[in-house]
Amino acid sequence: MLDEIDKNDLNEFVNLFENKLTTLKDKAQLMLDKVQNFESHNDKLPEILEKFRGITRHFEDGHYKKMIVGELQKNHL
């Protein structure tokens, strides 16, 4: 009752399989790129945190307030 299946009948499935493999390879490459970007950003984190701490210290010690008031006085008085 069943027709015999030959190699030609499977060609469509081979193409589907190859397309899925290509899609998976592309997704894997995107994931790898994201991980590499994360790692490079992660390496910069200590430097970014130190800059942020420096800015915070300037706010806390009144440096920016003095600077802004000085600019306002210089430009508007």
Protein backbone atom coordinates (compact mmCIF):
# COMPACT_ATOMS: atom_id res chain seq x y z
CA MET A 1 0.00 0.00 0.00
CA LEU A 2 2.75 2.47 0.84
CA ASP A 3 4.78 3.75 -2.01
CA GLU A 4 8.44 3.13 -1.63
CA ILE A 5 10.40 6.13 -0.41
CA ASP A 6 13.55 6.96 -2.26
CA LYS A 7 16.30 9.55 -1.91
CA ASN A 8 14.42 12.16 -3.96
CA ASP A 9 11.53 12.09 -1.51
CA LEU A 10 13.89 13.16 1.26
CA ASN A 11 15.43 16.13 -0.58
CA GLU A 12 12.80 18.51 0.78
CA PHE A 13 13.60 17.40 4.33
CA VAL A 14 17.32 17.73 3.74
CA ASN A 15 16.81 21.33 2.63
CA LEU A 16 14.65 22.06 5.69
CA PHE A 17 17.30 20.52 7.92
CA GLU A 18 20.08 22.55 6.29
CA ASN A 19 18.03 25.75 6.69
CA LYS A 20 17.47 24.99 10.37
CA LEU A 21 21.19 24.35 10.82
CA THR A 22 22.01 27.67 9.18
CA THR A 23 19.50 29.44 11.43
CA LEU A 24 21.00 27.79 14.52
CA LYS A 25 24.52 28.74 13.45
CA ASP A 26 23.43 32.36 12.97
CA LYS A 27 21.76 32.43 16.38
CA ALA A 28 24.84 30.89 17.99
CA GLN A 29 27.06 33.54 16.35
CA LEU A 30 24.79 36.32 17.65
CA MET A 31 24.96 34.86 21.15
CA LEU A 32 28.74 34.62 20.92
CA ASP A 33 28.94 38.25 19.79
CA LYS A 34 26.74 39.34 22.72
CA VAL A 35 28.89 37.42 25.19
CA GLN A 36 32.08 38.94 23.80
CA ASN A 37 30.55 42.44 24.01
CA PHE A 38 29.45 41.76 27.58
CA GLU A 39 32.93 40.58 28.50
CA SER A 40 34.55 43.69 27.03
CA HIS A 41 32.04 45.93 28.84
CA ASN A 42 32.52 43.93 32.02
CA ASP A 43 36.27 44.58 31.83
CA LYS A 44 35.56 48.32 31.81
CA LEU A 45 33.24 48.19 34.82
CA PRO A 46 35.88 49.01 37.49
CA GLU A 47 36.96 52.09 35.53
CA ILE A 48 33.34 53.23 35.07
CA LEU A 49 32.60 52.73 38.76
CA GLU A 50 35.66 54.75 39.75
CA LYS A 51 34.59 57.63 37.48
CA PHE A 52 31.10 57.48 38.97
CA ARG A 53 32.57 57.58 42.50
CA GLY A 54 34.63 60.63 41.50
CA ILE A 55 31.54 62.43 40.22
CA THR A 56 29.67 61.50 43.41
CA ARG A 57 32.53 62.91 45.52
CA HIS A 58 32.38 66.18 43.57
CA PHE A 59 28.65 66.47 44.36
CA GLU A 60 29.19 65.61 48.01
CA ASP A 61 32.05 68.06 48.58
CA GLY A 62 30.20 70.93 46.89
CA HIS A 63 32.59 71.22 43.94
CA TYR A 64 29.82 71.30 41.33
CA LYS A 65 27.73 73.73 43.39
CA LYS A 66 30.68 76.14 43.60
CA MET A 67 31.36 75.72 39.92
CA ILE A 68 27.73 76.37 38.93
CA VAL A 69 27.37 79.36 41.24
CA GLY A 70 30.66 80.76 39.91
CA GLU A 71 29.50 80.39 36.30
CA LEU A 72 26.16 82.02 37.11
CA GLN A 73 27.87 84.93 38.85
CA LYS A 74 30.36 85.34 36.01
CA ASN A 75 27.73 85.28 33.27
CA HIS A 76 24.82 87.08 34.91
CA LEU A 77 26.30 89.67 37.29
